[in-house]
């Protein structure tokens, strides 16, 4: 992860909306509102110079254009964790919420914690395209599961032939779209040797299938450039302590990227049944008294740490 080495000369906090961007400039102390459009964003970037740090929050993808334009212009930018910014704002006793308050809070947050903020890197176009395809495939699979459940509803078994027929038509359409997305992913990987190598390295680990490897390559491109603790935390498989005084609370996994943990769970489940060291690791934990679900969680963490190390080694060999 790339971070700033020197304190920024200027900090901009941007509250991103669907139609507008509320921008607070710490140096001038001014607040402005611009359109969330390509020309307005480009004009904003042209006014910025190296030494500026821009911080915004994730807003359903509406921040993507801002971050891409800033990264392309060489301006340091950070996509902040919403929960961290909210906690930071409430620590001052502020309960009100407006776009202006959020923009000011983001700027102040960046001024105090700039050393800890990971900067957004300019993603390769093919990696971004793969992420979009994987996200679309997940949406289609979720719709297919929902429609399948509707088709199996008890009421439809008795009658309602028209409803059953409608469900079957939609299912055929969804399956066709999933096949098309899979073909688009394969075509993209054929044009991108670097992505294909990352997926091949991931698949070399028992339990990691093609879907898991593709999802990790799309949704966790930082894998291979992190420490083992950072990798576990980003994947959402790091156990967080809940201790207070003499109380030793139960450590739970939380945070991280929501799309990563489910695929790691399936990979860990497969690895616990496949031949190899991971299966032995799982069995040893269970024999030592760990609950099976806890052993699976530990296996998820071990998988992401191993993949991070293998991708790092592969990257070093290529360089």
C-alpha atoms as a PDB file:
ATOM      1  CA  UNK A   1       0.000   0.000   0.000  1.00  0.00           C
ATOM      2  CA  UNK A   2       1.305   3.437  -0.939  1.00  0.00           C
ATOM      3  CA  UNK A   3       1.191   6.185   1.685  1.00  0.00           C
ATOM      4  CA  UNK A   4       2.365   9.777   1.830  1.00  0.00           C
ATOM      5  CA  UNK A   5       5.863  10.325   3.190  1.00  0.00           C
ATOM      6  CA  UNK A   6       5.450  14.045   3.886  1.00  0.00           C
ATOM      7  CA  UNK A   7       2.542  16.008   5.312  1.00  0.00           C
ATOM      8  CA  UNK A   8       0.267  17.378   2.555  1.00  0.00           C
ATOM      9  CA  UNK A   9       0.317  21.121   1.886  1.00  0.00           C
ATOM     10  CA  UNK A  10      -3.364  21.133   1.044  1.00  0.00           C
ATOM     11  CA  UNK A  11      -6.217  18.789   1.953  1.00  0.00           C
ATOM     12  CA  UNK A  12      -9.561  18.498   0.192  1.00  0.00           C
ATOM     13  CA  UNK A  13     -12.501  16.679   1.723  1.00  0.00           C
ATOM     14  CA  UNK A  14     -15.134  15.702  -0.837  1.00  0.00           C
ATOM     15  CA  UNK A  15     -18.626  14.528   0.058  1.00  0.00           C
ATOM     16  CA  UNK A  16     -19.758  12.633  -3.033  1.00  0.00           C
ATOM     17  CA  UNK A  17     -23.355  12.680  -4.184  1.00  0.00           C
ATOM     18  CA  UNK A  18     -25.074  11.311  -7.255  1.00  0.00           C
ATOM     19  CA  UNK A  19     -25.296  14.715  -8.932  1.00  0.00           C
ATOM     20  CA  UNK A  20     -22.899  16.955  -7.013  1.00  0.00           C
ATOM     21  CA  UNK A  21     -19.584  17.030  -5.144  1.00  0.00           C
ATOM     22  CA  UNK A  22     -19.297  19.115  -1.968  1.00  0.00           C
ATOM     23  CA  UNK A  23     -15.641  20.147  -1.665  1.00  0.00           C
ATOM     24  CA  UNK A  24     -13.964  21.635   1.412  1.00  0.00           C
ATOM     25  CA  UNK A  25     -10.499  23.152   0.912  1.00  0.00           C
ATOM     26  CA  UNK A  26      -8.494  23.166   4.156  1.00  0.00           C
ATOM     27  CA  UNK A  27      -5.949  25.719   2.957  1.00  0.00           C
ATOM     28  CA  UNK A  28      -8.452  28.329   1.834  1.00  0.00           C
ATOM     29  CA  UNK A  29     -11.110  27.297   4.335  1.00  0.00           C
ATOM     30  CA  UNK A  30     -13.724  27.449   1.578  1.00  0.00           C
ATOM     31  CA  UNK A  31     -16.654  25.216   0.749  1.00  0.00           C
ATOM     32  CA  UNK A  32     -17.891  24.759  -2.809  1.00  0.00           C
ATOM     33  CA  UNK A  33     -20.324  22.545  -4.690  1.00  0.00           C
ATOM     34  CA  UNK A  34     -19.590  21.305  -8.218  1.00  0.00           C
ATOM     35  CA  UNK A  35     -21.331  18.918 -10.572  1.00  0.00           C
ATOM     36  CA  UNK A  36     -20.368  15.260 -10.445  1.00  0.00           C
ATOM     37  CA  UNK A  37     -19.586  15.255 -14.159  1.00  0.00           C
ATOM     38  CA  UNK A  38     -16.419  14.585 -16.136  1.00  0.00           C
ATOM     39  CA  UNK A  39     -15.817  18.245 -17.197  1.00  0.00           C
ATOM     40  CA  UNK A  40     -16.282  19.570 -13.637  1.00  0.00           C
ATOM     41  CA  UNK A  41     -14.039  16.889 -12.156  1.00  0.00           C
ATOM     42  CA  UNK A  42     -11.357  17.554 -14.757  1.00  0.00           C
ATOM     43  CA  UNK A  43     -11.478  21.288 -13.989  1.00  0.00           C
ATOM     44  CA  UNK A  44     -11.089  20.531 -10.285  1.00  0.00           C
ATOM     45  CA  UNK A  45      -8.037  18.324 -10.929  1.00  0.00           C
ATOM     46  CA  UNK A  46      -6.404  20.997 -13.094  1.00  0.00           C
ATOM     47  CA  UNK A  47      -6.512  23.380 -10.129  1.00  0.00           C
ATOM     48  CA  UNK A  48      -4.664  20.924  -7.873  1.00  0.00           C
ATOM     49  CA  UNK A  49      -0.914  20.501  -7.539  1.00  0.00           C
ATOM     50  CA  UNK A  50       1.383  17.775  -6.130  1.00  0.00           C
ATOM     51  CA  UNK A  51       1.385  17.936  -2.354  1.00  0.00           C
ATOM     52  CA  UNK A  52      -2.414  17.903  -2.242  1.00  0.00           C
ATOM     53  CA  UNK A  53      -4.325  15.101  -0.553  1.00  0.00           C
ATOM     54  CA  UNK A  54      -7.958  14.457  -1.486  1.00  0.00           C
ATOM     55  CA  UNK A  55     -10.213  12.256   0.650  1.00  0.00           C
ATOM     56  CA  UNK A  56     -13.729  11.022  -0.054  1.00  0.00           C
ATOM     57  CA  UNK A  57     -15.992   8.195   1.091  1.00  0.00           C
ATOM     58  CA  UNK A  58     -17.377   5.287  -0.939  1.00  0.00           C
ATOM     59  CA  UNK A  59     -20.808   6.286  -2.271  1.00  0.00           C
ATOM     60  CA  UNK A  60     -22.116   3.386  -4.303  1.00  0.00           C
ATOM     61  CA  UNK A  61     -19.547   3.876  -7.061  1.00  0.00           C
ATOM     62  CA  UNK A  62     -20.294   7.577  -7.653  1.00  0.00           C
ATOM     63  CA  UNK A  63     -16.814   8.353  -6.313  1.00  0.00           C
ATOM     64  CA  UNK A  64     -15.065   6.178  -8.924  1.00  0.00           C
ATOM     65  CA  UNK A  65     -14.805   8.901 -11.570  1.00  0.00           C
ATOM     66  CA  UNK A  66     -13.318  11.374  -9.080  1.00  0.00           C
ATOM     67  CA  UNK A  67     -10.692   8.932  -7.823  1.00  0.00           C
ATOM     68  CA  UNK A  68      -9.764   7.773 -11.334  1.00  0.00           C
ATOM     69  CA  UNK A  69      -9.292  11.344 -12.562  1.00  0.00           C
ATOM     70  CA  UNK A  70      -7.246  12.298  -9.500  1.00  0.00           C
ATOM     71  CA  UNK A  71      -5.016   9.226  -9.761  1.00  0.00           C
ATOM     72  CA  UNK A  72      -4.479   9.871 -13.482  1.00  0.00           C
ATOM     73  CA  UNK A  73      -3.470  13.477 -12.678  1.00  0.00           C
ATOM     74  CA  UNK A  74      -0.941  12.290 -10.086  1.00  0.00           C
ATOM     75  CA  UNK A  75      -2.876  13.734  -7.125  1.00  0.00           C
ATOM     76  CA  UNK A  76      -2.767  11.707  -3.897  1.00  0.00           C
ATOM     77  CA  UNK A  77      -6.268  10.473  -3.042  1.00  0.00           C
ATOM     78  CA  UNK A  78      -7.788   8.159  -0.450  1.00  0.00           C
ATOM     79  CA  UNK A  79     -11.131   6.357  -0.265  1.00  0.00           C
ATOM     80  CA  UNK A  80     -11.947   6.552   3.454  1.00  0.00           C
ATOM     81  CA  UNK A  81     -13.679   3.916   5.539  1.00  0.00           C
ATOM     82  CA  UNK A  82     -17.144   5.300   6.309  1.00  0.00           C
ATOM     83  CA  UNK A  83     -17.283   3.777   9.801  1.00  0.00           C
ATOM     84  CA  UNK A  84     -13.919   5.291  10.740  1.00  0.00           C
ATOM     85  CA  UNK A  85     -14.931   8.749   9.551  1.00  0.00           C
ATOM     86  CA  UNK A  86     -18.259   8.559  11.402  1.00  0.00           C
ATOM     87  CA  UNK A  87     -16.515   7.507  14.607  1.00  0.00           C
ATOM     88  CA  UNK A  88     -13.977  10.311  14.128  1.00  0.00           C
ATOM     89  CA  UNK A  89     -16.763  12.873  13.653  1.00  0.00           C
ATOM     90  CA  UNK A  90     -18.766  11.678  16.676  1.00  0.00           C
ATOM     91  CA  UNK A  91     -15.664  11.892  18.862  1.00  0.00           C
ATOM     92  CA  UNK A  92     -16.094  15.681  18.639  1.00  0.00           C
ATOM     93  CA  UNK A  93     -19.712  15.422  19.783  1.00  0.00           C
ATOM     94  CA  UNK A  94     -21.111  16.187  16.333  1.00  0.00           C
ATOM     95  CA  UNK A  95     -24.378  14.391  15.656  1.00  0.00           C
ATOM     96  CA  UNK A  96     -25.662  16.522  12.782  1.00  0.00           C
ATOM     97  CA  UNK A  97     -25.141  15.354   9.215  1.00  0.00           C
ATOM     98  CA  UNK A  98     -25.031  17.494   6.107  1.00  0.00           C
ATOM     99  CA  UNK A  99     -22.899  17.409   2.977  1.00  0.00           C
ATOM    100  CA  UNK A 100     -20.915  20.397   4.236  1.00  0.00           C
ATOM    101  CA  UNK A 101     -20.292  18.819   7.655  1.00  0.00           C
ATOM    102  CA  UNK A 102     -19.157  15.574   6.021  1.00  0.00           C
ATOM    103  CA  UNK A 103     -16.772  17.389   3.658  1.00  0.00           C
ATOM    104  CA  UNK A 104     -15.187  19.298   6.549  1.00  0.00           C
ATOM    105  CA  UNK A 105     -14.933  16.112   8.612  1.00  0.00           C
ATOM    106  CA  UNK A 106     -13.169  14.284   5.778  1.00  0.00           C
ATOM    107  CA  UNK A 107     -10.635  17.094   5.432  1.00  0.00           C
ATOM    108  CA  UNK A 108      -9.954  17.175   9.174  1.00  0.00           C
ATOM    109  CA  UNK A 109      -9.716  13.383   9.273  1.00  0.00           C
ATOM    110  CA  UNK A 110      -7.084  13.492   6.507  1.00  0.00           C
ATOM    111  CA  UNK A 111      -5.116  16.277   8.201  1.00  0.00           C
ATOM    112  CA  UNK A 112      -4.774  14.281  11.394  1.00  0.00           C
ATOM    113  CA  UNK A 113      -4.259  10.789   9.946  1.00  0.00           C
ATOM    114  CA  UNK A 114      -2.519  11.335   6.609  1.00  0.00           C
ATOM    115  CA  UNK A 115       0.358   9.037   7.576  1.00  0.00           C
ATOM    116  CA  UNK A 116      -2.006   6.055   7.925  1.00  0.00           C
ATOM    117  CA  UNK A 117      -4.081   6.542   4.780  1.00  0.00           C
ATOM    118  CA  UNK A 118      -3.521   4.153   1.876  1.00  0.00           C
ATOM    119  CA  UNK A 119      -3.591   5.968  -1.440  1.00  0.00           C
ATOM    120  CA  UNK A 120      -5.673   4.890  -4.406  1.00  0.00           C
ATOM    121  CA  UNK A 121      -3.508   3.580  -7.229  1.00  0.00           C
ATOM    122  CA  UNK A 122      -4.357   4.041 -10.895  1.00  0.00           C
ATOM    123  CA  UNK A 123      -5.845   0.646 -11.693  1.00  0.00           C
ATOM    124  CA  UNK A 124      -5.122  -0.990 -14.999  1.00  0.00           C
ATOM    125  CA  UNK A 125      -8.050  -0.831 -17.391  1.00  0.00           C
ATOM    126  CA  UNK A 126      -8.249  -4.607 -17.758  1.00  0.00           C
ATOM    127  CA  UNK A 127      -8.242  -5.172 -14.001  1.00  0.00           C
ATOM    128  CA  UNK A 128     -11.090  -2.658 -13.630  1.00  0.00           C
ATOM    129  CA  UNK A 129     -12.964  -4.381 -16.457  1.00  0.00           C
ATOM    130  CA  UNK A 130     -12.505  -7.747 -14.756  1.00  0.00           C
ATOM    131  CA  UNK A 131     -13.853  -6.305 -11.489  1.00  0.00           C
ATOM    132  CA  UNK A 132     -16.945  -5.018 -13.321  1.00  0.00           C
ATOM    133  CA  UNK A 133     -17.535  -8.384 -14.995  1.00  0.00           C
ATOM    134  CA  UNK A 134     -17.146 -10.295 -11.725  1.00  0.00           C
ATOM    135  CA  UNK A 135     -19.536  -7.916  -9.942  1.00  0.00           C
ATOM    136  CA  UNK A 136     -22.082  -8.325 -12.751  1.00  0.00           C
ATOM    137  CA  UNK A 137     -21.778 -12.108 -12.623  1.00  0.00           C
ATOM    138  CA  UNK A 138     -22.437 -12.056  -8.883  1.00  0.00           C
ATOM    139  CA  UNK A 139     -25.566  -9.936  -9.432  1.00  0.00           C
ATOM    140  CA  UNK A 140     -26.838 -12.399 -12.050  1.00  0.00           C
ATOM    141  CA  UNK A 141     -26.145 -15.408  -9.809  1.00  0.00           C
ATOM    142  CA  UNK A 142     -27.991 -13.746  -6.916  1.00  0.00           C
ATOM    143  CA  UNK A 143     -30.973 -13.089  -9.195  1.00  0.00           C
ATOM    144  CA  UNK A 144     -30.869 -16.700 -10.387  1.00  0.00           C
ATOM    145  CA  UNK A 145     -30.909 -18.004  -6.803  1.00  0.00           C
ATOM    146  CA  UNK A 146     -33.847 -15.740  -5.933  1.00  0.00           C
ATOM    147  CA  UNK A 147     -35.821 -16.804  -9.012  1.00  0.00           C
ATOM    148  CA  UNK A 148     -35.071 -20.477  -8.337  1.00  0.00           C
ATOM    149  CA  UNK A 149     -36.415 -20.095  -4.806  1.00  0.00           C
ATOM    150  CA  UNK A 150     -39.578 -18.484  -6.160  1.00  0.00           C
ATOM    151  CA  UNK A 151     -40.058 -21.370  -8.566  1.00  0.00           C
ATOM    152  CA  UNK A 152     -39.768 -23.835  -5.666  1.00  0.00           C
ATOM    153  CA  UNK A 153     -42.268 -21.950  -3.476  1.00  0.00           C
ATOM    154  CA  UNK A 154     -44.991 -24.289  -2.108  1.00  0.00           C
ATOM    155  CA  UNK A 155     -47.830 -22.278  -3.616  1.00  0.00           C
ATOM    156  CA  UNK A 156     -46.484 -22.661  -7.158  1.00  0.00           C
ATOM    157  CA  UNK A 157     -46.361 -26.451  -6.920  1.00  0.00           C
ATOM    158  CA  UNK A 158     -50.139 -26.686  -6.692  1.00  0.00           C
ATOM    159  CA  UNK A 159     -51.023 -24.506  -9.636  1.00  0.00           C
ATOM    160  CA  UNK A 160     -50.196 -21.118 -11.076  1.00  0.00           C
ATOM    161  CA  UNK A 161     -48.797 -22.452 -14.338  1.00  0.00           C
ATOM    162  CA  UNK A 162     -48.409 -18.936 -15.741  1.00  0.00           C
ATOM    163  CA  UNK A 163     -46.193 -17.894 -12.806  1.00  0.00           C
ATOM    164  CA  UNK A 164     -44.103 -21.059 -13.078  1.00  0.00           C
ATOM    165  CA  UNK A 165     -43.672 -20.514 -16.795  1.00  0.00           C
ATOM    166  CA  UNK A 166     -42.597 -16.911 -16.184  1.00  0.00           C
ATOM    167  CA  UNK A 167     -40.001 -18.032 -13.632  1.00  0.00           C
ATOM    168  CA  UNK A 168     -38.576 -20.603 -16.046  1.00  0.00           C
ATOM    169  CA  UNK A 169     -38.263 -18.011 -18.833  1.00  0.00           C
ATOM    170  CA  UNK A 170     -36.419 -15.628 -16.514  1.00  0.00           C
ATOM    171  CA  UNK A 171     -34.117 -18.441 -15.322  1.00  0.00           C
ATOM    172  CA  UNK A 172     -33.198 -19.351 -18.899  1.00  0.00           C
ATOM    173  CA  UNK A 173     -32.445 -15.696 -19.626  1.00  0.00           C
ATOM    174  CA  UNK A 174     -30.301 -15.350 -16.505  1.00  0.00           C
ATOM    175  CA  UNK A 175     -28.378 -18.544 -17.286  1.00  0.00           C
ATOM    176  CA  UNK A 176     -27.702 -17.277 -20.799  1.00  0.00           C
ATOM    177  CA  UNK A 177     -26.377 -13.978 -19.445  1.00  0.00           C
ATOM    178  CA  UNK A 178     -24.110 -15.790 -16.961  1.00  0.00           C
ATOM    179  CA  UNK A 179     -22.664 -17.838 -19.827  1.00  0.00           C
ATOM    180  CA  UNK A 180     -22.014 -14.638 -21.794  1.00  0.00           C
ATOM    181  CA  UNK A 181     -20.283 -12.998 -18.819  1.00  0.00           C
ATOM    182  CA  UNK A 182     -18.121 -16.106 -18.327  1.00  0.00           C
ATOM    183  CA  UNK A 183     -17.127 -15.941 -21.990  1.00  0.00           C
ATOM    184  CA  UNK A 184     -16.267 -12.239 -21.641  1.00  0.00           C
ATOM    185  CA  UNK A 185     -14.090 -13.007 -18.609  1.00  0.00           C
ATOM    186  CA  UNK A 186     -12.244 -15.762 -20.479  1.00  0.00           C
ATOM    187  CA  UNK A 187     -11.685 -13.430 -23.443  1.00  0.00           C
ATOM    188  CA  UNK A 188     -10.350 -10.725 -21.141  1.00  0.00           C
ATOM    189  CA  UNK A 189      -7.941 -13.109 -19.425  1.00  0.00           C
ATOM    190  CA  UNK A 190      -6.691 -14.280 -22.816  1.00  0.00           C
ATOM    191  CA  UNK A 191      -5.679 -10.658 -23.544  1.00  0.00           C
ATOM    192  CA  UNK A 192      -4.084 -10.063 -20.121  1.00  0.00           C
ATOM    193  CA  UNK A 193      -1.157 -12.379 -19.277  1.00  0.00           C
ATOM    194  CA  UNK A 194      -0.580 -10.637 -15.924  1.00  0.00           C
ATOM    195  CA  UNK A 195      -4.119 -11.345 -14.731  1.00  0.00           C
ATOM    196  CA  UNK A 196      -3.937 -14.895 -16.082  1.00  0.00           C
ATOM    197  CA  UNK A 197      -0.700 -15.462 -14.127  1.00  0.00           C
ATOM    198  CA  UNK A 198      -2.249 -14.186 -10.901  1.00  0.00           C
ATOM    199  CA  UNK A 199      -5.184 -16.530 -11.339  1.00  0.00           C
ATOM    200  CA  UNK A 200      -2.888 -19.465 -12.136  1.00  0.00           C
ATOM    201  CA  UNK A 201      -0.837 -18.801  -8.983  1.00  0.00           C
ATOM    202  CA  UNK A 202      -4.000 -18.684  -6.873  1.00  0.00           C
ATOM    203  CA  UNK A 203      -5.350 -21.896  -8.386  1.00  0.00           C
ATOM    204  CA  UNK A 204      -2.122 -23.724  -7.503  1.00  0.00           C
ATOM    205  CA  UNK A 205      -3.341 -23.818  -3.886  1.00  0.00           C
ATOM    206  CA  UNK A 206      -5.664 -26.761  -3.049  1.00  0.00           C
ATOM    207  CA  UNK A 207      -9.236 -25.638  -2.525  1.00  0.00           C
ATOM    208  CA  UNK A 208      -8.942 -22.486  -4.638  1.00  0.00           C
ATOM    209  CA  UNK A 209     -11.038 -22.997  -7.750  1.00  0.00           C
ATOM    210  CA  UNK A 210     -11.389 -20.830 -10.851  1.00  0.00           C
ATOM    211  CA  UNK A 211     -14.233 -18.676  -9.464  1.00  0.00           C
ATOM    212  CA  UNK A 212     -12.362 -17.961  -6.231  1.00  0.00           C
ATOM    213  CA  UNK A 213      -9.147 -17.145  -8.091  1.00  0.00           C
ATOM    214  CA  UNK A 214     -10.913 -14.818 -10.537  1.00  0.00           C
ATOM    215  CA  UNK A 215     -12.798 -13.059  -7.734  1.00  0.00           C
ATOM    216  CA  UNK A 216      -9.593 -12.491  -5.768  1.00  0.00           C
ATOM    217  CA  UNK A 217      -7.824 -11.130  -8.857  1.00  0.00           C
ATOM    218  CA  UNK A 218     -10.732  -8.784  -9.547  1.00  0.00           C
ATOM    219  CA  UNK A 219     -11.706  -7.619  -6.078  1.00  0.00           C
ATOM    220  CA  UNK A 220      -8.398  -7.794  -4.226  1.00  0.00           C
ATOM    221  CA  UNK A 221      -5.686  -6.577  -6.638  1.00  0.00           C
ATOM    222  CA  UNK A 222      -3.529  -5.496  -3.669  1.00  0.00           C
ATOM    223  CA  UNK A 223      -2.872  -9.156  -2.848  1.00  0.00           C
ATOM    224  CA  UNK A 224       0.854  -9.753  -3.157  1.00  0.00           C
ATOM    225  CA  UNK A 225       1.841  -6.268  -1.985  1.00  0.00           C
ATOM    226  CA  UNK A 226       0.605  -6.531   1.620  1.00  0.00           C
ATOM    227  CA  UNK A 227       1.880  -7.905   4.888  1.00  0.00           C
ATOM    228  CA  UNK A 228       0.136 -11.026   6.155  1.00  0.00           C
ATOM    229  CA  UNK A 229      -1.826  -9.020   8.726  1.00  0.00           C
ATOM    230  CA  UNK A 230      -2.887  -6.441   6.146  1.00  0.00           C
ATOM    231  CA  UNK A 231      -3.986  -9.191   3.764  1.00  0.00           C
ATOM    232  CA  UNK A 232      -6.074 -10.903   6.445  1.00  0.00           C
ATOM    233  CA  UNK A 233      -7.653  -7.613   7.517  1.00  0.00           C
ATOM    234  CA  UNK A 234      -8.465  -6.509   3.962  1.00  0.00           C
ATOM    235  CA  UNK A 235     -10.072  -9.874   3.239  1.00  0.00           C
ATOM    236  CA  UNK A 236     -12.173  -9.603   6.399  1.00  0.00           C
ATOM    237  CA  UNK A 237     -10.730 -12.730   8.035  1.00  0.00           C
ATOM    238  CA  UNK A 238      -8.661 -11.103  10.792  1.00  0.00           C
ATOM    239  CA  UNK A 239      -9.867 -11.890  14.356  1.00  0.00           C
ATOM    240  CA  UNK A 240     -10.357  -8.689  16.330  1.00  0.00           C
ATOM    241  CA  UNK A 241      -9.899  -8.860  20.135  1.00  0.00           C
ATOM    242  CA  UNK A 242     -12.625  -7.732  22.558  1.00  0.00           C
ATOM    243  CA  UNK A 243     -10.705  -7.575  25.843  1.00  0.00           C
ATOM    244  CA  UNK A 244     -11.335  -5.333  28.831  1.00  0.00           C
ATOM    245  CA  UNK A 245      -9.462  -5.665  32.116  1.00  0.00           C
ATOM    246  CA  UNK A 246      -9.513  -9.300  33.130  1.00  0.00           C
ATOM    247  CA  UNK A 247     -12.219 -10.099  30.593  1.00  0.00           C
ATOM    248  CA  UNK A 248     -10.993 -11.920  27.518  1.00  0.00           C
ATOM    249  CA  UNK A 249     -13.748 -11.560  24.950  1.00  0.00           C
ATOM    250  CA  UNK A 250     -14.452 -13.815  21.998  1.00  0.00           C
ATOM    251  CA  UNK A 251     -12.482 -12.726  18.949  1.00  0.00           C
ATOM    252  CA  UNK A 252     -14.587 -12.298  15.843  1.00  0.00           C
ATOM    253  CA  UNK A 253     -13.816 -11.625  12.205  1.00  0.00           C
ATOM    254  CA  UNK A 254     -15.284  -8.403  10.897  1.00  0.00           C
ATOM    255  CA  UNK A 255     -14.625  -5.622   8.431  1.00  0.00           C
ATOM    256  CA  UNK A 256     -12.794  -6.098   5.172  1.00  0.00           C
ATOM    257  CA  UNK A 257     -14.320  -6.443   1.733  1.00  0.00           C
ATOM    258  CA  UNK A 258     -17.715  -8.091   1.748  1.00  0.00           C
ATOM    259  CA  UNK A 259     -17.198  -9.856  -1.590  1.00  0.00           C
ATOM    260  CA  UNK A 260     -14.040 -11.668  -0.483  1.00  0.00           C
ATOM    261  CA  UNK A 261     -15.064 -13.563   2.635  1.00  0.00           C
ATOM    262  CA  UNK A 262     -17.780 -15.772   1.018  1.00  0.00           C
ATOM    263  CA  UNK A 263     -15.417 -17.065  -1.696  1.00  0.00           C
ATOM    264  CA  UNK A 264     -12.698 -17.703   0.890  1.00  0.00           C
ATOM    265  CA  UNK A 265     -15.201 -19.678   2.956  1.00  0.00           C
ATOM    266  CA  UNK A 266     -15.961 -21.971   0.011  1.00  0.00           C
ATOM    267  CA  UNK A 267     -12.226 -22.319  -0.721  1.00  0.00           C
ATOM    268  CA  UNK A 268     -11.531 -23.243   2.920  1.00  0.00           C
ATOM    269  CA  UNK A 269     -14.376 -25.760   2.896  1.00  0.00           C
ATOM    270  CA  UNK A 270     -12.939 -27.399  -0.226  1.00  0.00           C
ATOM    271  CA  UNK A 271      -9.362 -27.299   1.155  1.00  0.00           C
ATOM    272  CA  UNK A 272     -10.483 -29.020   4.386  1.00  0.00           C
ATOM    273  CA  UNK A 273     -11.562 -32.009   2.287  1.00  0.00           C
ATOM    274  CA  UNK A 274      -8.803 -32.044  -0.339  1.00  0.00           C
ATOM    275  CA  UNK A 275      -5.456 -33.765   0.030  1.00  0.00           C
ATOM    276  CA  UNK A 276      -2.593 -31.625   1.233  1.00  0.00           C
ATOM    277  CA  UNK A 277      -1.190 -29.595   4.086  1.00  0.00           C
ATOM    278  CA  UNK A 278      -4.285 -27.423   4.431  1.00  0.00           C
ATOM    279  CA  UNK A 279      -6.443 -30.432   5.197  1.00  0.00           C
ATOM    280  CA  UNK A 280      -3.937 -31.574   7.826  1.00  0.00           C
ATOM    281  CA  UNK A 281      -3.927 -28.069   9.294  1.00  0.00           C
ATOM    282  CA  UNK A 282      -7.718 -28.128   9.565  1.00  0.00           C
ATOM    283  CA  UNK A 283      -7.807 -31.610  11.101  1.00  0.00           C
ATOM    284  CA  UNK A 284      -5.139 -30.663  13.637  1.00  0.00           C
ATOM    285  CA  UNK A 285      -7.178 -27.687  14.813  1.00  0.00           C
ATOM    286  CA  UNK A 286     -10.312 -29.803  15.208  1.00  0.00           C
ATOM    287  CA  UNK A 287      -8.388 -32.507  17.083  1.00  0.00           C
ATOM    288  CA  UNK A 288      -7.060 -29.824  19.438  1.00  0.00           C
ATOM    289  CA  UNK A 289     -10.604 -28.911  20.408  1.00  0.00           C
ATOM    290  CA  UNK A 290     -11.425 -26.075  18.024  1.00  0.00           C
ATOM    291  CA  UNK A 291     -14.981 -25.867  16.707  1.00  0.00           C
ATOM    292  CA  UNK A 292     -15.182 -26.817  13.014  1.00  0.00           C
ATOM    293  CA  UNK A 293     -16.378 -23.321  12.068  1.00  0.00           C
ATOM    294  CA  UNK A 294     -13.439 -21.774  13.960  1.00  0.00           C
ATOM    295  CA  UNK A 295     -11.054 -24.142  12.183  1.00  0.00           C
ATOM    296  CA  UNK A 296     -12.586 -23.129   8.827  1.00  0.00           C
ATOM    297  CA  UNK A 297     -12.099 -19.458   9.739  1.00  0.00           C
ATOM    298  CA  UNK A 298      -8.445 -20.126  10.552  1.00  0.00           C
ATOM    299  CA  UNK A 299      -8.109 -21.957   7.243  1.00  0.00           C
ATOM    300  CA  UNK A 300      -9.603 -18.969   5.384  1.00  0.00           C
ATOM    301  CA  UNK A 301      -6.986 -16.745   6.976  1.00  0.00           C
ATOM    302  CA  UNK A 302      -4.197 -19.176   6.142  1.00  0.00           C
ATOM    303  CA  UNK A 303      -5.311 -19.363   2.493  1.00  0.00           C
ATOM    304  CA  UNK A 304      -5.241 -15.590   1.986  1.00  0.00           C
ATOM    305  CA  UNK A 305      -1.847 -15.301   3.735  1.00  0.00           C
ATOM    306  CA  UNK A 306      -0.348 -18.065   1.554  1.00  0.00           C
ATOM    307  CA  UNK A 307      -1.757 -16.534  -1.625  1.00  0.00           C
ATOM    308  CA  UNK A 308      -0.385 -13.128  -0.643  1.00  0.00           C
ATOM    309  CA  UNK A 309       3.083 -14.638  -0.182  1.00  0.00           C
ATOM    310  CA  UNK A 310       2.961 -16.612  -3.440  1.00  0.00           C
ATOM    311  CA  UNK A 311       1.796 -13.622  -5.470  1.00  0.00           C
ATOM    312  CA  UNK A 312       4.493 -11.476  -3.874  1.00  0.00           C
ATOM    313  CA  UNK A 313       7.167 -14.026  -4.778  1.00  0.00           C
ATOM    314  CA  UNK A 314       5.805 -14.302  -8.322  1.00  0.00           C
ATOM    315  CA  UNK A 315       5.860 -10.514  -8.684  1.00  0.00           C
ATOM    316  CA  UNK A 316       9.459 -10.346  -7.482  1.00  0.00           C
ATOM    317  CA  UNK A 317      10.505 -13.040  -9.967  1.00  0.00           C
ATOM    318  CA  UNK A 318       8.848 -11.122 -12.812  1.00  0.00           C
ATOM    319  CA  UNK A 319      10.676  -7.912 -11.839  1.00  0.00           C
END
